[in-house]
Protein backbone atom coordinates (compact mmCIF):
# COMPACT_ATOMS: atom_id res chain seq x y z
CA HIS A 1 21.88 24.68 53.93
CA ALA A 2 24.19 22.57 51.77
CA ALA A 3 25.35 20.59 54.81
CA ALA A 4 21.75 19.80 55.78
CA TYR A 5 20.99 18.48 52.29
CA ALA A 6 24.22 16.49 52.27
CA LEU A 7 23.24 14.81 55.57
CA LEU A 8 19.76 14.03 54.23
CA SER A 9 21.26 12.59 51.05
CA TYR A 10 23.62 10.41 53.08
CA GLN A 11 20.80 9.11 55.28
CA THR A 12 18.51 8.24 52.35
CA ALA A 13 21.39 6.65 50.40
CA TYR A 14 22.20 4.51 53.45
CA LEU A 15 18.58 3.36 53.76
CA LYS A 16 18.35 2.58 50.05
CA ALA A 17 21.59 0.57 50.13
CA HIS A 18 20.89 -1.42 53.31
CA TYR A 19 17.07 -1.60 53.34
CA PRO A 20 16.20 -1.46 49.62
CA ALA A 21 12.73 -3.06 49.75
CA GLN A 22 11.59 -0.97 52.70
CA PHE A 23 12.99 2.21 51.14
CA MET A 24 11.33 1.64 47.77
CA ALA A 25 8.03 0.61 49.41
CA ALA A 26 8.06 3.93 51.29
CA MET A 27 8.83 5.82 48.08
CA LEU A 28 6.00 4.06 46.23
CA SER A 29 3.57 4.73 49.08
CA ALA A 30 4.47 8.42 49.14
CA ASP A 31 3.78 8.77 45.42
CA MET A 32 1.06 6.18 44.88
CA ASP A 33 -1.42 8.84 43.74
CA HIS A 34 0.95 9.83 40.91
CA THR A 35 0.97 7.04 38.31
CA ASP A 36 3.92 8.41 36.33
CA LYS A 37 6.13 8.33 39.44
CA VAL A 38 4.91 4.84 40.38
CA VAL A 39 5.83 3.56 36.90
CA THR A 40 9.34 5.02 37.21
CA LEU A 41 9.82 3.64 40.74
CA ILE A 42 8.63 0.13 39.78
CA ARG A 43 11.09 0.13 36.90
CA GLU A 44 13.81 1.13 39.38
CA CYS A 45 12.73 -1.76 41.65
CA ALA A 46 13.31 -4.16 38.75
CA GLU A 47 16.78 -2.69 38.19
CA MET A 48 17.52 -3.23 41.90
CA GLY A 49 16.39 -6.86 41.74
CA LEU A 50 13.26 -6.26 43.82
CA ALA A 51 10.07 -8.12 42.87
CA VAL A 52 6.84 -6.09 42.96
CA LEU A 53 3.96 -8.47 43.68
CA PRO A 54 0.42 -7.71 42.44
CA PRO A 55 -2.20 -6.33 44.85
CA ASP A 56 -4.06 -9.01 46.82
CA VAL A 57 -7.17 -8.65 48.99
CA ASN A 58 -5.73 -11.33 51.31
CA SER A 59 -2.23 -9.85 51.64
CA SER A 60 -2.05 -6.17 50.68
CA GLN A 61 -2.30 -3.21 53.02
CA TYR A 62 -3.48 0.25 51.96
CA THR A 63 0.10 1.29 51.15
CA PHE A 64 2.97 -0.65 49.57
CA THR A 65 4.63 -3.06 52.03
CA ALA A 66 8.03 -4.77 52.00
CA ALA A 67 9.24 -8.24 52.96
CA ASP A 68 12.80 -9.42 52.25
CA ARG A 69 13.40 -8.45 48.61
CA THR A 70 9.77 -8.22 47.59
CA ILE A 71 7.23 -5.40 47.67
CA ARG A 72 3.48 -6.03 47.79
CA TYR A 73 1.37 -3.58 45.80
CA GLY A 74 -0.92 -1.46 47.96
CA LEU A 75 -4.68 -1.64 47.49
CA GLY A 76 -4.79 2.13 47.90
CA ALA A 77 -3.00 2.46 44.56
CA VAL A 78 -5.80 0.69 42.66
CA ARG A 79 -7.80 3.27 40.71
CA GLY A 80 -11.49 3.39 41.54
CA VAL A 81 -11.07 1.83 45.00
CA GLY A 82 -11.41 4.37 47.78
CA GLN A 83 -9.74 4.41 51.16
CA GLY A 84 -12.95 3.43 52.96
CA ALA A 85 -13.34 0.31 50.83
CA VAL A 86 -9.72 -0.73 51.37
CA GLU A 87 -9.96 -0.20 55.13
CA ALA A 88 -13.14 -2.31 55.22
CA VAL A 89 -11.35 -5.17 53.40
CA ILE A 90 -8.35 -5.06 55.75
CA ARG A 91 -10.48 -4.75 58.90
CA GLU A 92 -12.64 -7.77 57.98
CA ARG A 93 -9.62 -9.84 56.91
CA GLU A 94 -7.78 -9.16 60.16
CA ALA A 95 -10.87 -9.86 62.27
CA ARG A 96 -12.06 -13.09 60.63
CA GLY A 97 -9.25 -14.37 58.45
CA PRO A 98 -8.57 -14.38 54.70
CA PHE A 99 -11.36 -14.52 52.13
CA ALA A 100 -11.99 -18.01 50.75
CA SER A 101 -13.78 -17.03 47.54
CA LEU A 102 -15.38 -14.14 45.70
CA GLU A 103 -18.72 -15.12 47.20
CA ASP A 104 -17.16 -15.11 50.67
CA LEU A 105 -15.78 -11.62 50.03
CA CYS A 106 -19.18 -10.28 48.94
CA ARG A 107 -20.93 -11.98 51.86
CA ARG A 108 -18.62 -10.58 54.54
CA LEU A 109 -18.27 -6.99 53.35
CA ASP A 110 -20.62 -4.02 53.18
CA LEU A 111 -21.59 -3.86 49.52
CA GLN A 112 -22.48 -0.20 49.87
CA LYS A 113 -18.76 0.47 50.30
CA LEU A 114 -17.63 -2.26 47.91
CA ASN A 115 -20.13 -1.84 45.09
CA ARG A 116 -19.93 -3.49 41.69
CA ARG A 117 -17.67 -0.78 40.23
CA VAL A 118 -15.15 -1.18 43.07
CA LEU A 119 -15.18 -4.97 42.83
CA GLU A 120 -14.67 -4.87 39.06
CA ALA A 121 -11.63 -2.63 39.57
CA LEU A 122 -10.24 -5.09 42.12
CA LEU A 123 -10.81 -8.00 39.72
CA ARG A 124 -9.20 -6.30 36.71
CA SER A 125 -6.19 -5.21 38.78
CA GLY A 126 -5.50 -8.79 39.88
CA SER A 127 -6.35 -8.09 43.54
CA CYS A 128 -8.76 -11.06 43.63
CA ASP A 129 -6.61 -13.60 41.76
CA ALA A 130 -6.36 -15.78 44.89
CA LEU A 131 -10.16 -16.14 45.02
CA GLY A 132 -10.69 -18.08 41.79
CA PRO A 133 -9.06 -19.87 38.86
CA ASN A 134 -8.66 -16.75 36.68
CA ARG A 135 -9.99 -13.24 36.15
CA ALA A 136 -12.45 -14.18 33.40
CA THR A 137 -14.15 -16.72 35.68
CA LEU A 138 -14.22 -14.30 38.60
CA MET A 139 -15.81 -11.58 36.47
CA ALA A 140 -18.47 -14.05 35.26
CA ARG A 141 -19.18 -15.05 38.88
CA LEU A 142 -19.44 -11.47 40.12
CA PRO A 143 -23.20 -10.88 39.47
CA ARG A 144 -24.14 -14.06 41.36
CA ALA A 145 -21.69 -13.26 44.18
CA LEU A 146 -23.19 -9.76 44.54
CA HIS A 147 -26.69 -11.22 44.61
CA LEU A 148 -25.73 -13.66 47.38
CA GLY A 149 -24.02 -10.88 49.31
CA GLU A 150 -27.08 -8.64 49.08
CA GLN A 151 -29.34 -11.50 50.21
CA ASP A 152 -27.11 -12.11 53.21
CA SER A 153 -27.11 -8.39 54.08
CA LYS A 154 -30.90 -8.25 53.95
CA ALA A 155 -31.17 -11.31 56.17
CA SER A 156 -28.70 -9.77 58.61
CA ARG A 157 -30.66 -6.53 58.80
CA ALA A 158 -33.83 -8.53 59.45
CA GLY A 159 -32.15 -10.31 62.38
CA GLN A 160 -31.94 -13.67 60.62
CA ASP A 161 -28.16 -14.18 60.75
CA ASP A 162 -28.34 -17.62 62.31
CA LEU A 163 -31.76 -18.75 61.16
CA PHE A 164 -31.23 -22.07 59.32
CA GLY A 165 -27.55 -21.14 58.93
CA LEU A 166 -28.17 -18.33 56.42
CA GLY A 167 -25.22 -16.39 57.76
CA ALA A 168 -22.78 -19.29 57.77
CA PRO A 169 -19.65 -19.08 55.61
CA GLU A 170 -20.52 -22.41 53.99
CA ALA A 171 -23.61 -20.89 52.35
CA SER A 172 -21.59 -19.42 49.52
CA ALA A 173 -19.47 -22.49 48.81
CA PRO A 174 -21.99 -24.39 46.63
CA ALA A 175 -22.52 -21.33 44.43
CA ALA A 176 -18.79 -21.07 43.79
CA ALA A 177 -18.54 -24.81 43.12
CA ARG A 178 -21.35 -24.71 40.56
CA ALA A 179 -19.85 -21.81 38.61
CA PRO A 180 -18.14 -23.05 35.42
CA GLU A 181 -14.46 -22.28 34.93
CA LEU A 182 -13.94 -20.12 31.85
CA PRO A 183 -10.78 -19.72 29.77
CA GLU A 184 -8.67 -16.80 30.93
CA TRP A 185 -8.97 -13.52 29.06
CA PRO A 186 -6.53 -12.98 26.19
CA GLU A 187 -3.25 -11.45 27.33
CA SER A 188 -4.15 -8.12 25.71
CA VAL A 189 -7.45 -7.89 27.65
CA ARG A 190 -5.85 -8.92 30.94
CA LEU A 191 -3.05 -6.36 30.59
CA ALA A 192 -5.47 -3.64 29.50
CA GLY A 193 -7.36 -4.20 32.76
CA GLU A 194 -4.15 -3.75 34.74
CA ARG A 195 -3.31 -0.61 32.80
CA GLU A 196 -6.77 0.84 33.46
CA THR A 197 -6.76 0.12 37.21
CA LEU A 198 -3.07 0.41 38.12
CA GLY A 199 -1.84 2.81 35.46
CA LEU A 200 0.79 0.34 34.25
CA TYR A 201 1.30 -3.23 33.04
CA LEU A 202 2.33 -5.16 36.15
CA THR A 203 2.29 -8.87 35.24
CA GLY A 204 3.38 -8.58 31.63
CA HIS A 205 3.81 -6.25 28.67
CA PRO A 206 2.10 -6.11 25.25
CA MET A 207 5.55 -6.37 23.65
CA ALA A 208 5.93 -9.88 25.07
CA ALA A 209 3.79 -11.23 22.22
CA PHE A 210 6.53 -10.14 19.78
CA GLU A 211 9.51 -11.20 21.89
CA SER A 212 10.43 -14.37 20.00
CA GLY A 213 11.12 -12.61 16.70
CA LEU A 214 11.90 -9.08 17.83
CA ALA A 215 15.64 -9.39 17.24
CA ARG A 216 14.90 -9.77 13.51
CA LEU A 217 12.91 -6.56 13.40
CA VAL A 218 14.92 -4.11 15.53
CA SER A 219 18.52 -3.01 15.77
CA HIS A 220 18.41 -2.33 19.53
CA ARG A 221 16.23 -2.76 22.59
CA ILE A 222 15.37 0.55 24.21
CA GLY A 223 16.91 -0.42 27.54
CA ALA A 224 20.30 -0.98 25.87
CA LEU A 225 20.13 2.40 24.10
CA ILE A 226 19.29 4.51 27.14
CA ALA A 227 21.90 2.69 29.27
CA GLU A 228 24.63 4.37 27.25
CA ARG A 229 25.70 7.62 28.85
CA PRO A 230 27.42 10.31 26.75
CA MET A 231 30.87 11.47 27.72
CA ALA A 232 30.97 14.85 29.42
CA GLY A 233 31.85 17.62 26.98
CA ALA A 234 31.39 15.39 23.95
CA ASP A 235 30.10 16.90 20.73
CA PHE A 236 26.74 15.18 20.37
CA PRO A 237 25.03 14.89 16.98
CA ARG A 238 22.34 17.53 16.59
CA GLY A 239 19.51 18.18 14.15
CA ARG A 240 18.92 15.24 11.84
CA GLY A 241 22.35 13.73 12.46
CA GLY A 242 23.01 10.77 14.71
CA ARG A 243 23.23 7.02 14.67
CA PRO A 244 20.64 5.06 12.65
CA VAL A 245 18.53 2.78 14.85
CA THR A 246 15.31 0.78 14.64
CA VAL A 247 13.31 0.15 17.80
CA ALA A 248 9.89 -1.26 18.58
CA GLY A 249 7.66 -0.15 21.39
CA LEU A 250 4.29 0.75 22.77
CA ILE A 251 3.30 4.43 22.50
CA ASP A 252 2.89 5.38 26.14
CA GLU A 253 2.44 9.12 25.65
CA VAL A 254 1.84 11.61 22.83
CA ARG A 255 2.48 15.32 23.35
CA LYS A 256 3.17 18.45 21.34
CA ARG A 257 6.38 20.42 21.86
CA GLY A 258 6.79 23.41 19.55
CA PRO A 259 6.79 22.30 15.91
CA ARG A 260 7.27 18.65 16.88
CA VAL A 261 5.17 15.79 18.21
CA ILE A 262 6.93 13.73 20.89
CA LEU A 263 6.11 10.06 21.39
CA THR A 264 7.25 8.11 24.44
CA LEU A 265 8.02 4.52 23.41
CA ASP A 266 8.16 1.67 25.92
CA ASP A 267 9.32 -1.84 24.98
CA GLY A 268 9.38 -3.35 28.47
CA THR A 269 13.14 -2.80 28.85
CA GLY A 270 13.03 0.99 28.90
CA ARG A 271 11.43 4.17 27.59
CA ILE A 272 12.69 6.65 25.02
CA GLU A 273 11.33 9.74 23.30
CA ALA A 274 10.80 9.74 19.54
CA SER A 275 10.14 13.04 17.75
CA LEU A 276 8.32 13.79 14.50
CA PHE A 277 7.87 17.06 12.64
CA ASP A 278 4.29 17.99 11.89
CA GLU A 279 4.57 16.79 8.29
CA GLN A 280 5.68 13.34 9.46
CA TYR A 281 3.00 13.30 12.13
CA GLN A 282 0.31 13.90 9.52
CA GLN A 283 1.80 11.12 7.36
CA TYR A 284 1.71 8.56 10.19
CA ARG A 285 -1.22 9.93 12.15
CA ALA A 286 -3.31 6.77 11.67
CA LEU A 287 -0.61 4.72 13.45
CA ILE A 288 -0.15 7.10 16.37
CA GLY A 289 -2.25 6.63 19.47
CA LYS A 290 -1.83 5.69 23.10
CA ASP A 291 -0.98 1.99 23.54
CA ALA A 292 -0.34 1.47 19.80
CA LEU A 293 2.57 -0.89 19.00
CA VAL A 294 4.93 0.56 16.39
CA LEU A 295 8.29 0.06 14.74
CA ALA A 296 10.28 3.31 14.63
CA GLU A 297 13.27 3.88 12.33
CA GLY A 298 15.35 7.01 12.68
CA GLN A 299 18.45 8.72 14.02
CA LEU A 300 19.51 8.44 17.64
CA ARG A 301 20.95 11.56 19.19
CA TYR A 302 21.42 13.01 22.65
CA ASP A 303 18.98 15.81 23.46
CA GLU A 304 20.47 18.29 25.92
CA PHE A 305 17.09 19.96 26.51
CA SER A 306 15.53 16.80 27.95
CA ASP A 307 18.91 15.39 29.11
CA GLY A 308 18.31 12.07 27.43
CA TRP A 309 18.48 10.10 24.21
CA ARG A 310 15.90 10.78 21.54
CA ILE A 311 15.11 9.26 18.15
CA GLY A 312 14.36 11.54 15.25
CA VAL A 313 11.79 9.41 13.43
CA ARG A 314 12.28 8.82 9.72
CA ARG A 315 9.70 6.08 9.31
CA LEU A 316 6.95 4.62 11.46
CA SER A 317 5.24 1.24 10.89
CA ASP A 318 2.55 -0.86 12.53
CA LEU A 319 4.50 -3.55 14.41
CA ALA A 320 1.87 -6.27 13.93
CA LYS A 321 1.72 -5.67 10.18
CA VAL A 322 5.51 -5.74 9.89
CA ARG A 323 5.54 -9.08 11.66
CA GLU A 324 2.84 -10.42 9.35
CA GLN A 325 4.80 -9.29 6.27
CA GLN A 326 8.14 -10.76 7.39
CA ALA A 327 6.99 -13.96 9.10
CA ARG A 328 7.86 -16.92 6.87
CA ARG A 329 7.20 -19.95 9.06
CA ILE A 330 5.48 -20.86 12.34
CA VAL A 331 7.12 -23.82 14.09
CA LEU A 332 5.02 -25.67 16.66
CA ALA A 333 6.60 -28.02 19.21
CA TRP A 334 4.21 -30.96 19.68
CA PRO A 335 3.68 -31.54 23.44
CA ALA A 336 4.83 -34.92 24.70
CA GLY A 337 2.11 -37.18 26.05
CA ALA A 338 -0.73 -35.15 24.54
CA ASP A 339 -3.94 -36.70 23.28
CA SER A 340 -2.91 -36.56 19.62
CA SER A 341 -6.32 -37.00 18.01
CA ALA A 342 -8.06 -34.37 20.16
CA LEU A 343 -5.17 -31.92 19.86
CA GLN A 344 -4.98 -32.44 16.08
CA ARG A 345 -8.66 -31.56 15.74
CA ARG A 346 -8.30 -28.41 17.85
CA LEU A 347 -5.18 -27.36 15.96
CA ALA A 348 -6.83 -27.93 12.58
CA GLU A 349 -9.84 -25.86 13.64
CA LEU A 350 -7.60 -23.05 14.87
CA LEU A 351 -5.39 -22.94 11.75
CA GLY A 352 -8.47 -23.14 9.54
CA ARG A 353 -9.72 -19.82 10.88
CA PHE A 354 -6.63 -18.04 9.55
CA ARG A 355 -6.28 -19.68 6.12
CA PRO A 356 -5.22 -18.96 3.44
CA GLY A 357 -2.09 -16.94 4.03
CA PRO A 358 1.58 -16.50 3.13
CA CYS A 359 3.11 -18.14 6.22
CA ALA A 360 3.99 -21.84 6.32
CA VAL A 361 3.40 -24.04 9.36
CA ALA A 362 5.68 -26.82 10.60
CA ILE A 363 5.36 -29.21 13.53
CA GLU A 364 8.40 -30.26 15.55
CA TYR A 365 8.05 -33.69 17.13
CA ALA A 366 10.41 -35.19 19.70
CA ALA A 367 10.03 -38.47 21.60
CA ALA A 368 12.30 -41.07 23.16
CA ALA A 369 12.40 -43.16 19.98
CA ALA A 370 12.23 -40.54 17.25
CA ARG A 371 12.27 -36.85 16.42
CA GLY A 372 11.66 -34.85 13.30
CA MET A 373 10.06 -31.87 11.57
CA LEU A 374 6.80 -32.16 9.66
CA ALA A 375 6.12 -29.34 7.18
CA LEU A 376 2.41 -28.94 6.52
CA GLY A 377 1.29 -28.60 2.92
CA PRO A 378 0.69 -25.23 1.23
CA GLU A 379 -3.05 -25.49 1.84
CA TRP A 380 -2.29 -25.00 5.57
CA CYS A 381 -0.45 -21.68 5.12
CA VAL A 382 -1.91 -19.01 7.41
CA GLN A 383 -2.05 -15.29 8.12
CA PRO A 384 0.47 -14.85 11.01
CA VAL A 385 -1.65 -12.32 12.91
CA ALA A 386 -1.33 -11.66 16.64
CA GLU A 387 -4.63 -13.43 17.39
CA LEU A 388 -3.36 -16.67 15.82
CA ILE A 389 -0.01 -16.57 17.64
CA GLU A 390 -1.74 -15.90 20.95
CA SER A 391 -4.26 -18.70 20.38
CA LEU A 392 -1.49 -21.17 19.47
CA GLU A 393 0.43 -20.27 22.61
CA LYS A 394 -2.69 -20.83 24.69
CA LEU A 395 -3.27 -24.22 23.02
CA LEU A 396 0.30 -25.55 23.08
CA GLY A 397 2.12 -23.33 25.58
CA GLY A 398 4.11 -20.15 25.03
CA SER A 399 7.47 -21.90 24.61
CA ALA A 400 6.00 -24.28 22.01
CA VAL A 401 5.42 -21.57 19.37
CA ARG A 402 8.24 -20.00 17.35
CA VAL A 403 7.87 -17.55 14.49
CA LEU A 404 10.71 -17.49 11.94
CA TYR A 405 11.21 -14.30 9.98
CA SER A 406 12.82 -13.26 6.72
CA ALA A 407 16.26 -11.75 7.18
CA PRO A 408 16.20 -7.94 7.39
CA GLY A 409 16.13 -6.48 3.89
CA ASP A 410 14.97 -9.70 2.24
CA ALA A 411 11.91 -9.67 0.04
CA PRO A 412 8.89 -11.26 1.72
CA GLN A 413 8.98 -15.01 1.20
CA ARG A 414 6.11 -17.15 0.13
CA SER A 415 5.14 -20.41 1.73
CA GLU A 416 7.64 -23.22 2.27
CA GLY A 417 4.85 -25.61 3.16
CA GLY A 418 5.52 -28.06 0.32
CA ARG A 419 9.20 -28.54 1.10
């Protein structure tokens, strides 16, 4: 019995070492109905240097597939999309080529199998990203695309496929061309759609919005903490003892275990459990909920029951509010070659929506002949909320926005706008 398991272990280890993408694609396909296992396996893919590509109606199969060091997400793993619908997509694509647009997709497929609910799930998961400029535009075009598809189906059933070219692929092109392009959804909405349809954040993480200033707020990233392995036979701190740490993360799971409430925190680099006694849970109950972003301070210790590190929470805070309280200046890098007058107007309108506030704003300018920093006056101080930061990044680019924070332990600073 032991020899048989040893042989099986050797064979699977060999496949994982020499054919990593194929091995992990097979593992993901075997467990694609179990979201928790998929999340763990995708994280392992990242550790192995394998890229997991989003689902795509023009590339994906029903299961996960491998090519070189990449894995393509399977359409069968998209929640709300049944096997019959996926097989219809693949069959049509293989018979008549890739889909050119959302309208083309609706025209060529049986909308009784791919109804509005199924198509919305495909759009939110990113499976239709190749069919339009962004997900917001595709979702706005969906009602019209469904209407055109239904018209085409009725004509087909009436035997009018070729009458005046009603069944021609070109019929849907003008409708797509006339549809206005909308701004993409905010990052939070886009990621929430992925979480709802895939069970995980695939193309980003809510913590990314805090990345630039996170080092000022935390003592460790979760990935670095859980990478440490305790020495065998060591005397680990128990009870309330341990090493003091501060981490930030998204609450991925909340569960009750005996007299304690256990939170699973995820910061994009790893996951760790954080425990609270019932008294603490009642104190911070308003902050605790699935997908909430929090800052957790407490004692790190190794839990032999769960065979992993755990934080005994001493204090829990709303991460966005902590950032607002400690942010002292927003520095904006002015894009080279931009239409200054138009951009100035848009920036003034945007900042005006979040005035007054405690956080100063400065503009960093660099050109061939000159460079410098322009500190805006105190009347331009803003509330450094997540909506403002996200809007500034959309206007100027993610790398053009930096948030400077007070040093840990410092009293909150007022505006430096007049300096």
